[in-house]
N, C-alpha and C. Protein backbone atom coordinates (compact mmCIF):
# COMPACT_ATOMS: atom_id res chain seq x y z
N UNK A 1 137.69 21.76 220.64
CA UNK A 1 137.98 23.16 220.75
C UNK A 1 136.85 23.82 221.54
N UNK A 2 137.24 24.77 222.38
CA UNK A 2 136.26 25.48 223.19
C UNK A 2 136.08 26.88 222.64
N UNK A 3 134.86 27.25 222.43
CA UNK A 3 134.56 28.60 221.95
C UNK A 3 133.94 29.39 223.09
N UNK A 4 134.41 30.60 223.27
CA UNK A 4 133.86 31.47 224.30
C UNK A 4 132.73 32.27 223.68
N UNK A 5 131.55 32.05 224.18
CA UNK A 5 130.38 32.75 223.64
C UNK A 5 129.79 33.69 224.68
N UNK A 6 130.51 33.91 225.74
CA UNK A 6 130.04 34.76 226.82
C UNK A 6 130.37 36.22 226.49
N UNK A 7 129.41 36.98 225.99
CA UNK A 7 129.64 38.37 225.58
C UNK A 7 130.06 39.26 226.76
N UNK A 8 129.38 39.20 227.93
CA UNK A 8 129.83 40.03 229.06
C UNK A 8 131.27 39.71 229.49
N UNK A 9 131.64 38.44 229.40
CA UNK A 9 133.01 38.04 229.75
C UNK A 9 134.03 38.64 228.79
N UNK A 10 133.71 38.66 227.53
CA UNK A 10 134.59 39.27 226.54
C UNK A 10 134.75 40.76 226.78
N UNK A 11 133.67 41.41 227.13
CA UNK A 11 133.72 42.85 227.42
C UNK A 11 134.59 43.12 228.64
N UNK A 12 134.43 42.33 229.69
CA UNK A 12 135.25 42.51 230.90
C UNK A 12 136.72 42.26 230.62
N UNK A 13 137.03 41.23 229.86
CA UNK A 13 138.42 40.95 229.50
C UNK A 13 138.99 42.08 228.65
N UNK A 14 138.18 42.62 227.76
CA UNK A 14 138.62 43.75 226.93
C UNK A 14 138.95 44.98 227.77
N UNK A 15 138.05 45.29 228.74
CA UNK A 15 138.30 46.42 229.64
C UNK A 15 139.56 46.20 230.46
N UNK A 16 139.75 44.98 230.96
CA UNK A 16 140.94 44.66 231.76
C UNK A 16 142.20 44.82 230.91
N UNK A 17 142.17 44.36 229.68
CA UNK A 17 143.35 44.48 228.80
C UNK A 17 143.67 45.94 228.51
N UNK A 18 142.65 46.73 228.20
CA UNK A 18 142.87 48.16 227.95
C UNK A 18 143.40 48.84 229.21
N UNK A 19 142.85 48.49 230.36
CA UNK A 19 143.31 49.06 231.62
C UNK A 19 144.77 48.75 231.90
N UNK A 20 145.19 47.52 231.64
CA UNK A 20 146.59 47.15 231.84
C UNK A 20 147.52 47.89 230.89
N UNK A 21 147.10 48.06 229.67
CA UNK A 21 147.91 48.80 228.70
C UNK A 21 148.04 50.26 229.11
N UNK A 22 146.95 50.88 229.53
CA UNK A 22 146.98 52.28 229.97
C UNK A 22 147.87 52.41 231.21
N UNK A 23 147.74 51.49 232.16
CA UNK A 23 148.57 51.52 233.36
C UNK A 23 150.05 51.39 233.01
N UNK A 24 150.38 50.50 232.10
CA UNK A 24 151.78 50.32 231.71
C UNK A 24 152.33 51.57 231.04
N UNK A 25 151.56 52.19 230.16
CA UNK A 25 152.01 53.40 229.48
C UNK A 25 152.18 54.57 230.45
N UNK A 26 151.24 54.73 231.36
CA UNK A 26 151.33 55.83 232.33
C UNK A 26 152.48 55.60 233.31
N UNK A 27 152.72 54.37 233.70
CA UNK A 27 153.85 54.07 234.59
C UNK A 27 155.16 54.33 233.88
N UNK A 28 155.24 53.99 232.60
CA UNK A 28 156.45 54.24 231.84
C UNK A 28 156.70 55.74 231.70
N UNK A 29 155.65 56.50 231.51
CA UNK A 29 155.75 57.96 231.35
C UNK A 29 156.11 58.65 232.66
N UNK A 30 155.65 58.13 233.76
CA UNK A 30 155.79 58.83 235.03
C UNK A 30 157.15 58.64 235.69
N UNK A 31 157.91 57.63 235.31
CA UNK A 31 159.15 57.37 236.01
C UNK A 31 160.34 57.63 235.13
N UNK A 32 161.45 58.07 235.67
CA UNK A 32 161.62 58.64 237.00
C UNK A 32 161.05 60.06 237.05
N UNK A 33 160.62 60.45 238.22
CA UNK A 33 159.95 61.73 238.38
C UNK A 33 160.91 62.89 238.62
N UNK A 34 162.15 62.60 238.99
CA UNK A 34 163.08 63.66 239.36
C UNK A 34 164.32 63.59 238.47
N UNK A 35 164.73 64.74 237.96
CA UNK A 35 165.94 64.81 237.14
C UNK A 35 166.70 66.08 237.50
N UNK A 36 168.01 66.04 237.32
CA UNK A 36 168.84 67.21 237.58
C UNK A 36 169.07 67.89 236.23
N UNK A 37 168.65 69.14 236.16
CA UNK A 37 168.87 69.95 234.97
C UNK A 37 170.12 70.80 235.21
N UNK A 38 170.34 71.81 234.37
CA UNK A 38 171.53 72.64 234.52
C UNK A 38 171.65 73.27 235.90
N UNK A 39 170.64 74.01 236.30
CA UNK A 39 170.70 74.71 237.58
C UNK A 39 169.47 74.45 238.44
N UNK A 40 168.72 73.43 238.12
CA UNK A 40 167.48 73.17 238.84
C UNK A 40 167.15 71.68 238.82
N UNK A 41 166.24 71.32 239.70
CA UNK A 41 165.66 69.98 239.67
C UNK A 41 164.40 70.04 238.83
N UNK A 42 164.14 69.01 238.08
CA UNK A 42 162.91 68.94 237.29
C UNK A 42 162.07 67.81 237.86
N UNK A 43 160.92 68.18 238.41
CA UNK A 43 159.97 67.21 238.96
C UNK A 43 158.88 67.01 237.91
N UNK A 44 158.79 65.79 237.40
CA UNK A 44 157.83 65.50 236.34
C UNK A 44 156.62 64.77 236.91
N UNK A 45 155.46 65.35 236.67
CA UNK A 45 154.22 64.72 237.07
C UNK A 45 153.62 63.96 235.90
N UNK A 46 152.34 63.67 235.97
CA UNK A 46 151.68 62.92 234.90
C UNK A 46 151.66 63.70 233.60
N UNK A 47 151.39 65.01 233.68
CA UNK A 47 151.20 65.79 232.47
C UNK A 47 152.12 67.00 232.35
N UNK A 48 152.68 67.48 233.46
CA UNK A 48 153.53 68.67 233.43
C UNK A 48 154.83 68.42 234.16
N UNK A 49 155.77 69.32 233.97
CA UNK A 49 157.04 69.27 234.69
C UNK A 49 157.24 70.60 235.41
N UNK A 50 157.82 70.54 236.61
CA UNK A 50 158.06 71.74 237.40
C UNK A 50 159.55 71.85 237.69
N UNK A 51 160.10 73.03 237.48
CA UNK A 51 161.51 73.28 237.79
C UNK A 51 161.62 73.80 239.22
N UNK A 52 162.53 73.21 239.97
CA UNK A 52 162.77 73.61 241.35
C UNK A 52 164.22 74.05 241.44
N UNK A 53 164.44 75.35 241.63
CA UNK A 53 165.80 75.87 241.72
C UNK A 53 166.32 75.73 243.14
N UNK A 54 167.61 75.98 243.32
CA UNK A 54 168.20 75.87 244.66
C UNK A 54 167.61 76.90 245.61
N UNK A 55 167.18 78.04 245.07
CA UNK A 55 166.55 79.05 245.93
C UNK A 55 165.17 78.61 246.41
N UNK A 56 164.52 77.73 245.67
CA UNK A 56 163.19 77.25 246.04
C UNK A 56 163.23 76.15 247.10
N UNK A 57 164.38 75.56 247.33
CA UNK A 57 164.47 74.40 248.22
C UNK A 57 164.79 74.84 249.64
N UNK A 58 163.93 74.44 250.58
CA UNK A 58 164.20 74.66 252.00
C UNK A 58 165.00 73.51 252.59
N UNK A 59 164.58 72.28 252.24
CA UNK A 59 165.21 71.11 252.87
C UNK A 59 165.04 69.89 251.97
N UNK A 60 166.08 69.07 251.95
CA UNK A 60 166.03 67.76 251.30
C UNK A 60 166.46 66.75 252.35
N UNK A 61 165.66 65.72 252.53
CA UNK A 61 166.02 64.72 253.55
C UNK A 61 165.45 63.36 253.19
N UNK A 62 165.98 62.36 253.88
CA UNK A 62 165.51 60.98 253.75
C UNK A 62 164.73 60.64 255.01
N UNK A 63 163.56 60.07 254.85
CA UNK A 63 162.82 59.55 256.00
C UNK A 63 162.74 58.04 255.85
N UNK A 64 162.83 57.35 256.96
CA UNK A 64 162.75 55.88 256.97
C UNK A 64 161.67 55.45 257.95
N UNK A 65 160.93 54.45 257.58
CA UNK A 65 159.96 53.85 258.49
C UNK A 65 159.75 52.40 258.11
N UNK A 66 159.18 51.66 259.02
CA UNK A 66 158.90 50.25 258.76
C UNK A 66 157.49 50.11 258.21
N UNK A 67 157.40 49.29 257.16
CA UNK A 67 156.09 49.03 256.56
C UNK A 67 156.06 47.57 256.14
N UNK A 68 155.13 46.86 256.67
CA UNK A 68 154.93 45.43 256.39
C UNK A 68 156.25 44.67 256.56
N UNK A 69 156.92 44.92 257.66
CA UNK A 69 158.11 44.17 258.02
C UNK A 69 159.38 44.55 257.30
N UNK A 70 159.38 45.62 256.54
CA UNK A 70 160.62 46.04 255.88
C UNK A 70 160.78 47.54 255.97
N UNK A 71 162.01 47.99 255.81
CA UNK A 71 162.32 49.41 255.91
C UNK A 71 162.07 50.09 254.57
N UNK A 72 161.34 51.20 254.61
CA UNK A 72 161.02 51.96 253.41
C UNK A 72 161.67 53.33 253.55
N UNK A 73 162.39 53.75 252.52
CA UNK A 73 163.01 55.08 252.51
C UNK A 73 162.27 55.97 251.52
N UNK A 74 162.10 57.22 251.93
CA UNK A 74 161.47 58.22 251.07
C UNK A 74 162.37 59.45 251.00
N UNK A 75 162.45 60.06 249.83
CA UNK A 75 163.16 61.32 249.66
C UNK A 75 162.13 62.43 249.74
N UNK A 76 162.36 63.37 250.65
CA UNK A 76 161.44 64.50 250.81
C UNK A 76 162.14 65.78 250.39
N UNK A 77 161.48 66.54 249.54
CA UNK A 77 161.98 67.85 249.13
C UNK A 77 160.94 68.88 249.57
N UNK A 78 161.34 69.73 250.50
CA UNK A 78 160.47 70.77 251.04
C UNK A 78 160.84 72.08 250.37
N UNK A 79 159.87 72.78 249.79
CA UNK A 79 160.15 74.01 249.06
C UNK A 79 159.68 75.23 249.82
N UNK A 80 160.12 76.39 249.37
CA UNK A 80 159.78 77.64 250.04
C UNK A 80 158.31 78.02 249.84
N UNK A 81 157.66 77.48 248.82
CA UNK A 81 156.23 77.79 248.61
C UNK A 81 155.35 76.75 249.31
N UNK A 82 155.90 76.11 250.35
CA UNK A 82 155.18 75.16 251.21
C UNK A 82 154.64 73.96 250.45
N UNK A 83 155.39 73.48 249.48
CA UNK A 83 155.06 72.22 248.82
C UNK A 83 156.06 71.18 249.28
N UNK A 84 155.56 69.99 249.49
CA UNK A 84 156.39 68.88 249.91
C UNK A 84 156.31 67.79 248.85
N UNK A 85 157.44 67.46 248.27
CA UNK A 85 157.53 66.40 247.27
C UNK A 85 158.09 65.17 247.97
N UNK A 86 157.33 64.09 247.98
CA UNK A 86 157.73 62.85 248.61
C UNK A 86 157.89 61.80 247.51
N UNK A 87 159.11 61.28 247.38
CA UNK A 87 159.43 60.37 246.30
C UNK A 87 159.93 59.05 246.86
N UNK A 88 159.37 57.96 246.38
CA UNK A 88 159.77 56.63 246.83
C UNK A 88 160.75 56.03 245.83
N UNK A 89 161.20 54.84 246.14
CA UNK A 89 162.08 54.11 245.23
C UNK A 89 161.40 53.90 243.87
N UNK A 90 160.13 53.65 243.89
CA UNK A 90 159.36 53.46 242.65
C UNK A 90 159.38 54.73 241.80
N UNK A 91 159.24 55.89 242.45
CA UNK A 91 159.23 57.16 241.73
C UNK A 91 160.60 57.52 241.17
N UNK A 92 161.66 57.13 241.87
CA UNK A 92 163.02 57.52 241.49
C UNK A 92 163.74 56.49 240.63
N UNK A 93 163.23 55.29 240.58
CA UNK A 93 163.85 54.17 239.85
C UNK A 93 165.19 53.74 240.43
N UNK A 94 165.48 54.15 241.65
CA UNK A 94 166.69 53.73 242.36
C UNK A 94 166.49 54.03 243.85
N UNK A 95 167.48 53.68 244.64
CA UNK A 95 167.40 53.91 246.08
C UNK A 95 167.45 55.41 246.37
N UNK A 96 166.57 55.93 247.22
CA UNK A 96 166.59 57.36 247.55
C UNK A 96 167.93 57.84 248.12
N UNK A 97 168.68 56.97 248.78
CA UNK A 97 170.00 57.38 249.29
C UNK A 97 170.95 57.72 248.14
N UNK A 98 170.89 56.95 247.07
CA UNK A 98 171.72 57.25 245.90
C UNK A 98 171.34 58.60 245.28
N UNK A 99 170.05 58.88 245.26
CA UNK A 99 169.57 60.15 244.71
C UNK A 99 170.02 61.30 245.60
N UNK A 100 169.95 61.11 246.91
CA UNK A 100 170.40 62.16 247.83
C UNK A 100 171.89 62.44 247.63
N UNK A 101 172.69 61.41 247.44
CA UNK A 101 174.12 61.60 247.17
C UNK A 101 174.33 62.37 245.87
N UNK A 102 173.58 62.03 244.84
CA UNK A 102 173.71 62.73 243.55
C UNK A 102 173.27 64.19 243.67
N UNK A 103 172.22 64.44 244.45
CA UNK A 103 171.77 65.82 244.65
C UNK A 103 172.80 66.62 245.42
N UNK A 104 173.44 66.00 246.41
CA UNK A 104 174.48 66.69 247.19
C UNK A 104 175.67 67.02 246.30
N UNK A 105 176.09 66.08 245.46
CA UNK A 105 177.21 66.33 244.55
C UNK A 105 176.89 67.41 243.52
N UNK A 106 175.63 67.54 243.16
CA UNK A 106 175.22 68.53 242.16
C UNK A 106 174.99 69.91 242.78
N UNK A 107 175.14 70.04 244.10
CA UNK A 107 175.00 71.34 244.74
C UNK A 107 173.67 71.58 245.40
N UNK A 108 172.83 70.58 245.43
CA UNK A 108 171.55 70.70 246.14
C UNK A 108 171.72 70.09 247.52
N UNK A 109 172.45 70.78 248.38
CA UNK A 109 172.80 70.24 249.70
C UNK A 109 171.56 70.09 250.56
N UNK A 110 171.43 68.95 251.22
CA UNK A 110 170.27 68.77 252.11
C UNK A 110 170.38 69.66 253.32
N UNK A 111 169.23 70.11 253.79
CA UNK A 111 169.21 70.95 254.98
C UNK A 111 169.18 70.12 256.24
N UNK A 112 169.13 70.76 257.39
CA UNK A 112 169.10 70.03 258.66
C UNK A 112 167.81 69.26 258.82
N UNK A 113 167.89 68.16 259.54
CA UNK A 113 166.70 67.38 259.83
C UNK A 113 166.61 66.24 258.94
């Protein structure tokens, strides 16, 4: 039987384990970041949620670009108070095109561009 007597190693492994648990909990809490409420979108951050009404939205669009040999889609929501919300597949828990279709059906029509 092998006994680990390396105290600094135990401390590092302990920190790594705690870090992984915190990362898992925060990732679980953070996703999905966007939800459709009665008359508004709810954008959830790490600690707070913000309601975005249809009057607050200037434009909703999908942007695509190549990254490391594959196509990446992002959903962009531009608001009247000059905030830009950029959400990836990871943030939405599904393809941004599906989210754009759901937003269009719910009355949050994307603007030009």
